[in-house]
Amino acid sequence: KGKAEFIEGKLRAFLKARREVEAHDEVNIMQEQVDAIVASRTEFSNKDTNPATDFKAGKRADHDSLPEDIQALYVENLDITHRMRELHLRLRLLSDSTKQVPASERKPLLDEFINLDKKLHANWDTYDHYVTKAESAANTETKESEEEQTKETEISQSPTDQLAEQPEDATPSKPKSKSKSKK
């Protein structure tokens, strides 16, 4: 019985160490994802060149006329952004090179950060691409008027006008006359 317990204890210790290594590798991959997200989403650009300066904190010009659920996405994104900043700060503190933090503590934070990033960008996509009824009606009217103008232009041109618009290179060439040879 003593040898079995000894072997079982060694196997459990080995299994625990193995799981920690796997978790550590997974956490390293997730940390790389978070670093990539932070690098790609963070812009330190000049405010003069940023077209978003026309809007107050990313709001659309027609924000007040949007439905409540679309306006709520904007407010939700503010909360998500604050939470992501908190998580990023905690992750930076945990990643400090002076202390060794187990992967099991970092993994939930990394996972939450990645999920929040996905939700944030899905919300912005919905908010940015929402088309109001007035915009869709205006787009439909614009397309119809463009089609009508194109048809009117085609009809108003007579065949002689169309010939006059052809380039000089396109004029038909004179048929070659057969030279009569005397024999």
Protein backbone atom coordinates (compact mmCIF):
# COMPACT_ATOMS: atom_id res chain seq x y z
CA LYS A 1 0.00 0.00 0.00
CA GLY A 2 2.85 2.44 0.72
CA LYS A 3 4.38 2.11 -2.73
CA ALA A 4 1.01 2.68 -4.43
CA GLU A 5 0.43 5.88 -2.44
CA PHE A 6 3.96 7.04 -3.23
CA ILE A 7 3.48 6.41 -6.97
CA GLU A 8 0.04 8.03 -6.90
CA GLY A 9 1.46 11.10 -5.16
CA LYS A 10 4.27 11.40 -7.71
CA LEU A 11 1.80 11.04 -10.59
CA ARG A 12 -0.48 13.71 -9.13
CA ALA A 13 2.45 16.09 -8.70
CA PHE A 14 3.52 15.39 -12.29
CA LEU A 15 -0.05 15.92 -13.56
CA LYS A 16 -0.34 19.20 -11.64
CA ALA A 17 2.96 20.45 -13.08
CA ARG A 18 1.90 19.37 -16.56
CA ARG A 19 -1.42 21.22 -16.29
CA GLU A 20 0.37 24.36 -15.10
CA VAL A 21 2.67 24.23 -18.14
CA GLU A 22 -0.30 23.83 -20.50
CA ALA A 23 -2.15 26.67 -18.76
CA HIS A 24 0.98 28.83 -18.92
CA ASP A 25 1.33 28.22 -22.67
CA GLU A 26 -2.34 29.04 -23.20
CA VAL A 27 -1.98 32.21 -21.13
CA ASN A 28 1.07 33.25 -23.17
CA ILE A 29 -0.95 32.88 -26.38
CA MET A 30 -3.82 34.89 -24.88
CA GLN A 31 -1.36 37.55 -23.67
CA GLU A 32 -0.05 37.89 -27.22
CA GLN A 33 -3.64 38.36 -28.45
CA VAL A 34 -4.26 41.07 -25.85
CA ASP A 35 -0.99 42.80 -26.74
CA ALA A 36 -1.96 42.73 -30.43
CA ILE A 37 -5.40 44.16 -29.61
CA VAL A 38 -3.90 46.95 -27.54
CA ALA A 39 -1.33 47.77 -30.21
CA SER A 40 -3.85 47.80 -33.08
CA ARG A 41 -6.66 49.60 -31.27
CA THR A 42 -4.60 52.32 -29.60
CA GLU A 43 -3.98 55.36 -31.74
CA PHE A 44 -1.76 58.23 -30.76
CA SER A 45 -2.51 60.42 -33.73
CA ASN A 46 -2.61 64.15 -34.10
CA LYS A 47 -6.05 65.51 -33.31
CA ASP A 48 -5.89 67.82 -36.33
CA THR A 49 -5.65 64.90 -38.76
CA ASN A 50 -8.27 62.78 -37.03
CA PRO A 51 -11.68 63.14 -38.76
CA ALA A 52 -13.42 62.00 -35.57
CA THR A 53 -12.70 65.38 -33.96
CA ASP A 54 -15.88 66.67 -35.61
CA PHE A 55 -17.84 64.41 -33.32
CA LYS A 56 -18.01 64.61 -29.57
CA ALA A 57 -16.32 61.49 -28.19
CA GLY A 58 -17.28 59.34 -31.18
CA LYS A 59 -20.97 60.23 -31.26
CA ARG A 60 -22.69 60.41 -34.59
CA ALA A 61 -24.08 63.75 -35.67
CA ASP A 62 -27.57 62.23 -35.64
CA HIS A 63 -27.07 60.44 -32.30
CA ASP A 64 -30.13 62.02 -30.67
CA SER A 65 -32.41 60.89 -33.49
CA LEU A 66 -31.31 57.23 -33.24
CA PRO A 67 -33.50 54.62 -31.53
CA GLU A 68 -32.92 53.99 -27.81
CA ASP A 69 -31.30 50.58 -28.32
CA ILE A 70 -28.71 52.04 -30.73
CA GLN A 71 -28.02 54.95 -28.36
CA ALA A 72 -27.60 52.41 -25.54
CA LEU A 73 -24.77 50.76 -27.49
CA TYR A 74 -22.79 54.00 -27.25
CA VAL A 75 -23.25 54.15 -23.47
CA GLU A 76 -22.45 50.45 -23.11
CA ASN A 77 -19.24 50.94 -25.09
CA LEU A 78 -18.12 53.63 -22.65
CA ASP A 79 -18.53 51.15 -19.78
CA ILE A 80 -16.75 48.42 -21.74
CA THR A 81 -13.86 50.77 -22.50
CA HIS A 82 -13.45 51.64 -18.82
CA ARG A 83 -13.53 47.96 -17.85
CA MET A 84 -10.93 47.14 -20.52
CA ARG A 85 -8.66 49.89 -19.17
CA GLU A 86 -8.96 48.44 -15.66
CA LEU A 87 -8.19 44.95 -16.93
CA HIS A 88 -5.23 46.17 -18.94
CA LEU A 89 -3.82 47.94 -15.89
CA ARG A 90 -4.24 44.82 -13.73
CA LEU A 91 -2.62 42.68 -16.42
CA ARG A 92 0.33 45.05 -16.64
CA LEU A 93 0.74 44.91 -12.87
CA LEU A 94 0.56 41.10 -12.93
CA SER A 95 3.06 40.94 -15.78
CA ASP A 96 5.64 42.86 -13.76
CA SER A 97 8.94 41.03 -14.19
CA THR A 98 9.80 41.23 -10.48
CA LYS A 99 7.10 38.80 -9.41
CA GLN A 100 6.04 35.39 -10.65
CA VAL A 101 2.25 35.22 -11.09
CA PRO A 102 0.62 31.88 -11.84
CA ALA A 103 -1.15 31.59 -15.17
CA SER A 104 -4.36 30.63 -13.39
CA GLU A 105 -4.65 34.21 -12.09
CA ARG A 106 -3.99 35.89 -15.43
CA LYS A 107 -6.08 33.61 -17.65
CA PRO A 108 -9.53 34.85 -16.57
CA LEU A 109 -8.43 38.47 -17.00
CA LEU A 110 -7.03 37.82 -20.47
CA ASP A 111 -10.15 35.92 -21.49
CA GLU A 112 -12.42 38.71 -20.25
CA PHE A 113 -10.31 41.35 -22.07
CA ILE A 114 -10.56 39.47 -25.38
CA ASN A 115 -14.33 38.97 -25.00
CA LEU A 116 -14.85 42.64 -24.11
CA ASP A 117 -12.86 43.70 -27.17
CA LYS A 118 -15.03 41.56 -29.44
CA LYS A 119 -18.21 42.96 -27.89
CA LEU A 120 -16.93 46.55 -28.08
CA HIS A 121 -16.18 46.33 -31.79
CA ALA A 122 -19.43 44.52 -32.57
CA ASN A 123 -21.31 47.33 -30.80
CA TRP A 124 -19.38 50.03 -32.67
CA ASP A 125 -20.01 48.28 -35.96
CA THR A 126 -23.74 48.19 -35.26
CA TYR A 127 -23.77 51.81 -34.08
CA ASP A 128 -21.69 53.15 -36.97
CA HIS A 129 -23.55 51.32 -39.72
CA TYR A 130 -27.09 51.85 -38.46
CA VAL A 131 -29.11 53.50 -41.22
CA THR A 132 -32.04 55.67 -40.22
CA LYS A 133 -35.26 55.66 -42.22
CA ALA A 134 -34.56 59.19 -43.45
CA GLU A 135 -31.09 58.19 -44.70
CA SER A 136 -32.40 55.11 -46.48
CA ALA A 137 -35.19 57.14 -48.13
CA ALA A 138 -32.68 59.78 -49.22
CA ASN A 139 -30.38 57.12 -50.67
CA THR A 140 -33.28 55.57 -52.58
CA GLU A 141 -34.33 58.96 -53.99
CA THR A 142 -30.75 59.78 -54.99
CA LYS A 143 -30.35 56.50 -56.86
CA GLU A 144 -33.68 56.95 -58.65
CA SER A 145 -32.86 60.52 -59.72
CA GLU A 146 -29.43 59.42 -61.01
CA GLU A 147 -31.06 56.66 -63.07
CA GLU A 148 -33.59 59.13 -64.51
CA GLN A 149 -30.84 61.60 -65.45
CA THR A 150 -28.89 58.87 -67.20
CA LYS A 151 -31.96 57.82 -69.21
CA GLU A 152 -32.77 61.44 -70.15
CA THR A 153 -29.22 62.01 -71.34
CA GLU A 154 -29.33 58.92 -73.53
CA ILE A 155 -32.69 59.88 -75.04
CA SER A 156 -31.79 63.55 -75.67
CA GLN A 157 -28.80 62.69 -77.84
CA SER A 158 -29.75 62.29 -81.49
CA PRO A 159 -27.79 59.95 -83.76
CA THR A 160 -26.01 62.93 -85.35
CA ASP A 161 -24.92 64.12 -81.90
CA GLN A 162 -23.58 60.69 -81.17
CA LEU A 163 -21.61 60.70 -84.44
CA ALA A 164 -20.22 64.14 -83.66
CA GLU A 165 -18.98 62.89 -80.29
CA GLN A 166 -17.02 60.05 -81.85
CA PRO A 167 -13.27 60.60 -82.07
CA GLU A 168 -11.74 61.35 -85.44
CA ASP A 169 -9.96 58.01 -85.44
CA ALA A 170 -13.32 56.28 -85.44
CA THR A 171 -14.48 57.72 -88.78
CA PRO A 172 -14.98 55.05 -91.39
CA SER A 173 -12.16 54.80 -93.88
CA LYS A 174 -12.74 55.36 -97.59
CA PRO A 175 -12.92 52.18 -99.59
CA LYS A 176 -9.86 51.56 -101.64
CA SER A 177 -10.48 51.93 -105.34
CA LYS A 178 -9.19 49.26 -107.60
CA SER A 179 -6.65 50.55 -110.00
CA LYS A 180 -7.36 49.62 -113.55
CA SER A 181 -4.34 48.39 -115.25
CA LYS A 182 -4.10 48.53 -119.01
CA LYS A 183 -2.69 45.57 -120.70
